[in-house]
Amino acid sequence: MRLRVIYLLLALSLLLAPLPTLANSGEVIYVPISPFVTNYGGPGRLKYVKVDMTLMVTGVRNAQVIENNLPLVRNTVVMNLSRQSENNVVTPRGQERIRQQLLDDLRHVLETQVGAPLVDEVLFTNFIYQN
């Protein structure tokens, strides 16, 4: 019980603390949102993909908005990866298409939810598949 109170007080102090001056500086912030493991390719034998990725955003405030909306972001990524064809997953060109689709999907969903696209780039840091 005491530990919960300490965590709650720590969380509140972090929320109430002023934002760093970087918030408006336009500094690039990298927000890791990994890992993702999901099946892909539709009916038939199960195929899996494991992707680690990082989102590139501008400014601390945008990074905080991404982190506050992480369930929405993660859902968008999982839904995108799970609908991919085998050709997209196993070829470099296809992986680039996936990356661009993810960027477009994330921008769209964030624009709808928070009023701004926020994500400047999607970067794959690991991409492993089993077909």
C-alpha atoms as a PDB file:
ATOM      1  CA  MET A   1       0.000   0.000   0.000  1.00  0.00           C
ATOM      2  CA  ARG A   2       2.808   2.446   0.877  1.00  0.00           C
ATOM      3  CA  LEU A   3       4.568   1.593  -2.365  1.00  0.00           C
ATOM      4  CA  ARG A   4       1.418   2.492  -4.325  1.00  0.00           C
ATOM      5  CA  VAL A   5       1.218   5.850  -2.576  1.00  0.00           C
ATOM      6  CA  ILE A   6       4.879   6.542  -3.363  1.00  0.00           C
ATOM      7  CA  TYR A   7       4.331   5.621  -7.029  1.00  0.00           C
ATOM      8  CA  LEU A   8       1.229   7.805  -7.180  1.00  0.00           C
ATOM      9  CA  LEU A   9       3.074  10.770  -5.667  1.00  0.00           C
ATOM     10  CA  LEU A  10       5.983  10.251  -8.057  1.00  0.00           C
ATOM     11  CA  ALA A  11       3.623  10.106 -11.041  1.00  0.00           C
ATOM     12  CA  LEU A  12       1.825  13.254  -9.925  1.00  0.00           C
ATOM     13  CA  SER A  13       5.092  15.129  -9.454  1.00  0.00           C
ATOM     14  CA  LEU A  14       6.160  14.144 -12.967  1.00  0.00           C
ATOM     15  CA  LEU A  15       2.847  15.300 -14.413  1.00  0.00           C
ATOM     16  CA  LEU A  16       2.973  18.619 -12.601  1.00  0.00           C
ATOM     17  CA  ALA A  17       6.625  19.332 -13.358  1.00  0.00           C
ATOM     18  CA  PRO A  18       7.213  22.007 -15.994  1.00  0.00           C
ATOM     19  CA  LEU A  19       8.156  20.762 -19.436  1.00  0.00           C
ATOM     20  CA  PRO A  20      11.788  21.145 -20.448  1.00  0.00           C
ATOM     21  CA  THR A  21      12.676  24.057 -22.690  1.00  0.00           C
ATOM     22  CA  LEU A  22      13.244  21.580 -25.521  1.00  0.00           C
ATOM     23  CA  ALA A  23       9.470  21.342 -25.991  1.00  0.00           C
ATOM     24  CA  ASN A  24       9.438  24.155 -28.516  1.00  0.00           C
ATOM     25  CA  SER A  25      12.991  23.883 -29.799  1.00  0.00           C
ATOM     26  CA  GLY A  26      12.178  21.534 -32.676  1.00  0.00           C
ATOM     27  CA  GLU A  27      14.644  18.944 -31.415  1.00  0.00           C
ATOM     28  CA  VAL A  28      14.203  15.456 -32.847  1.00  0.00           C
ATOM     29  CA  ILE A  29      13.028  12.916 -30.269  1.00  0.00           C
ATOM     30  CA  TYR A  30      13.046   9.146 -30.848  1.00  0.00           C
ATOM     31  CA  VAL A  31      10.193   7.230 -29.217  1.00  0.00           C
ATOM     32  CA  PRO A  32      10.722   3.431 -29.138  1.00  0.00           C
ATOM     33  CA  ILE A  33       7.435   1.513 -29.343  1.00  0.00           C
ATOM     34  CA  SER A  34       8.729  -2.064 -29.614  1.00  0.00           C
ATOM     35  CA  PRO A  35       8.422  -5.002 -29.888  1.00  0.00           C
ATOM     36  CA  PHE A  36       5.596  -6.194 -32.100  1.00  0.00           C
ATOM     37  CA  VAL A  37       4.994  -9.865 -32.822  1.00  0.00           C
ATOM     38  CA  THR A  38       1.982 -10.811 -34.919  1.00  0.00           C
ATOM     39  CA  ASN A  39       0.866 -13.242 -37.561  1.00  0.00           C
ATOM     40  CA  TYR A  40       0.379 -12.141 -41.181  1.00  0.00           C
ATOM     41  CA  GLY A  41      -0.584 -13.425 -44.602  1.00  0.00           C
ATOM     42  CA  GLY A  42      -4.199 -14.536 -44.187  1.00  0.00           C
ATOM     43  CA  PRO A  43      -5.458 -18.139 -44.271  1.00  0.00           C
ATOM     44  CA  GLY A  44      -3.159 -21.132 -44.443  1.00  0.00           C
ATOM     45  CA  ARG A  45      -0.062 -21.893 -42.456  1.00  0.00           C
ATOM     46  CA  LEU A  46       0.628 -19.341 -39.729  1.00  0.00           C
ATOM     47  CA  LYS A  47       3.394 -16.879 -40.511  1.00  0.00           C
ATOM     48  CA  TYR A  48       4.885 -14.503 -37.973  1.00  0.00           C
ATOM     49  CA  VAL A  49       6.649 -11.182 -38.070  1.00  0.00           C
ATOM     50  CA  LYS A  50       8.579  -9.520 -35.244  1.00  0.00           C
ATOM     51  CA  VAL A  51       9.281  -5.840 -35.688  1.00  0.00           C
ATOM     52  CA  ASP A  52      11.076  -3.405 -33.415  1.00  0.00           C
ATOM     53  CA  MET A  53      10.541   0.211 -34.317  1.00  0.00           C
ATOM     54  CA  THR A  54      11.057   3.755 -33.214  1.00  0.00           C
ATOM     55  CA  LEU A  55       9.003   6.811 -34.074  1.00  0.00           C
ATOM     56  CA  MET A  56      10.788  10.053 -34.879  1.00  0.00           C
ATOM     57  CA  VAL A  57       8.937  13.160 -33.662  1.00  0.00           C
ATOM     58  CA  THR A  58       9.810  16.825 -33.248  1.00  0.00           C
ATOM     59  CA  GLY A  59       9.771  18.185 -29.698  1.00  0.00           C
ATOM     60  CA  VAL A  60       9.245  16.795 -26.230  1.00  0.00           C
ATOM     61  CA  ARG A  61       5.548  17.669 -26.190  1.00  0.00           C
ATOM     62  CA  ASN A  62       4.881  15.600 -29.307  1.00  0.00           C
ATOM     63  CA  ALA A  63       6.809  12.686 -27.790  1.00  0.00           C
ATOM     64  CA  GLN A  64       4.655  12.952 -24.657  1.00  0.00           C
ATOM     65  CA  VAL A  65       1.472  12.969 -26.742  1.00  0.00           C
ATOM     66  CA  ILE A  66       2.676   9.814 -28.522  1.00  0.00           C
ATOM     67  CA  GLU A  67       3.393   8.130 -25.182  1.00  0.00           C
ATOM     68  CA  ASN A  68      -0.013   9.207 -23.822  1.00  0.00           C
ATOM     69  CA  ASN A  69      -1.663   7.609 -26.863  1.00  0.00           C
ATOM     70  CA  LEU A  70       0.504   4.484 -26.945  1.00  0.00           C
ATOM     71  CA  PRO A  71      -2.412   2.007 -26.946  1.00  0.00           C
ATOM     72  CA  LEU A  72      -3.821   3.690 -30.074  1.00  0.00           C
ATOM     73  CA  VAL A  73      -0.382   3.738 -31.712  1.00  0.00           C
ATOM     74  CA  ARG A  74       0.327   0.088 -30.877  1.00  0.00           C
ATOM     75  CA  ASN A  75      -3.108  -0.997 -32.133  1.00  0.00           C
ATOM     76  CA  THR A  76      -2.513   0.795 -35.428  1.00  0.00           C
ATOM     77  CA  VAL A  77       0.844  -0.943 -35.866  1.00  0.00           C
ATOM     78  CA  VAL A  78      -0.500  -4.416 -35.022  1.00  0.00           C
ATOM     79  CA  MET A  79      -3.476  -4.041 -37.361  1.00  0.00           C
ATOM     80  CA  ASN A  80      -1.197  -2.855 -40.168  1.00  0.00           C
ATOM     81  CA  LEU A  81       1.321  -5.677 -39.721  1.00  0.00           C
ATOM     82  CA  SER A  82      -1.326  -8.393 -39.459  1.00  0.00           C
ATOM     83  CA  ARG A  83      -2.896  -7.506 -42.826  1.00  0.00           C
ATOM     84  CA  GLN A  84       0.383  -7.650 -44.776  1.00  0.00           C
ATOM     85  CA  SER A  85       0.988 -10.061 -47.648  1.00  0.00           C
ATOM     86  CA  GLU A  86       3.928 -12.424 -47.672  1.00  0.00           C
ATOM     87  CA  ASN A  87       5.497 -10.478 -50.554  1.00  0.00           C
ATOM     88  CA  ASN A  88       5.535  -7.279 -48.480  1.00  0.00           C
ATOM     89  CA  VAL A  89       7.055  -8.961 -45.446  1.00  0.00           C
ATOM     90  CA  VAL A  90       9.862 -10.908 -47.129  1.00  0.00           C
ATOM     91  CA  THR A  91      11.213  -8.360 -49.615  1.00  0.00           C
ATOM     92  CA  PRO A  92      13.103  -5.116 -48.941  1.00  0.00           C
ATOM     93  CA  ARG A  93      10.721  -3.219 -51.241  1.00  0.00           C
ATOM     94  CA  GLY A  94       7.746  -4.669 -49.405  1.00  0.00           C
ATOM     95  CA  GLN A  95       9.234  -3.767 -46.033  1.00  0.00           C
ATOM     96  CA  GLU A  96       9.653  -0.199 -47.263  1.00  0.00           C
ATOM     97  CA  ARG A  97       5.973  -0.227 -48.334  1.00  0.00           C
ATOM     98  CA  ILE A  98       5.036  -1.429 -44.850  1.00  0.00           C
ATOM     99  CA  ARG A  99       7.103   1.356 -43.276  1.00  0.00           C
ATOM    100  CA  GLN A 100       5.435   3.985 -45.465  1.00  0.00           C
ATOM    101  CA  GLN A 101       1.949   2.527 -44.805  1.00  0.00           C
ATOM    102  CA  LEU A 102       2.641   2.603 -41.073  1.00  0.00           C
ATOM    103  CA  LEU A 103       3.735   6.230 -41.287  1.00  0.00           C
ATOM    104  CA  ASP A 104       0.576   7.152 -43.215  1.00  0.00           C
ATOM    105  CA  ASP A 105      -1.692   5.136 -40.876  1.00  0.00           C
ATOM    106  CA  LEU A 106      -0.125   6.591 -37.733  1.00  0.00           C
ATOM    107  CA  ARG A 107      -0.340  10.137 -39.051  1.00  0.00           C
ATOM    108  CA  HIS A 108      -3.987   9.640 -39.981  1.00  0.00           C
ATOM    109  CA  VAL A 109      -5.038   8.107 -36.660  1.00  0.00           C
ATOM    110  CA  LEU A 110      -3.153  10.729 -34.643  1.00  0.00           C
ATOM    111  CA  GLU A 111      -4.594  13.544 -36.757  1.00  0.00           C
ATOM    112  CA  THR A 112      -8.059  12.155 -36.039  1.00  0.00           C
ATOM    113  CA  GLN A 113      -7.446  11.572 -32.326  1.00  0.00           C
ATOM    114  CA  VAL A 114      -5.285  14.511 -31.213  1.00  0.00           C
ATOM    115  CA  GLY A 115      -5.552  16.960 -34.103  1.00  0.00           C
ATOM    116  CA  ALA A 116      -1.993  16.667 -35.454  1.00  0.00           C
ATOM    117  CA  PRO A 117      -0.058  13.947 -37.315  1.00  0.00           C
ATOM    118  CA  LEU A 118       2.963  14.231 -34.913  1.00  0.00           C
ATOM    119  CA  VAL A 119       5.063  11.411 -36.437  1.00  0.00           C
ATOM    120  CA  ASP A 120       7.847  12.547 -38.763  1.00  0.00           C
ATOM    121  CA  GLU A 121       9.239   9.105 -39.531  1.00  0.00           C
ATOM    122  CA  VAL A 122       8.900   5.391 -38.720  1.00  0.00           C
ATOM    123  CA  LEU A 123      12.227   3.610 -38.303  1.00  0.00           C
ATOM    124  CA  PHE A 124      12.551  -0.175 -38.218  1.00  0.00           C
ATOM    125  CA  THR A 125      15.304  -1.235 -35.845  1.00  0.00           C
ATOM    126  CA  ASN A 126      14.669  -4.954 -36.301  1.00  0.00           C
ATOM    127  CA  PHE A 127      12.527  -6.887 -38.797  1.00  0.00           C
ATOM    128  CA  ILE A 128      12.311 -10.674 -38.529  1.00  0.00           C
ATOM    129  CA  TYR A 129       9.804 -12.920 -40.231  1.00  0.00           C
ATOM    130  CA  GLN A 130       8.940 -16.602 -40.299  1.00  0.00           C
ATOM    131  CA  ASN A 131       7.034 -17.845 -43.336  1.00  0.00           C
END
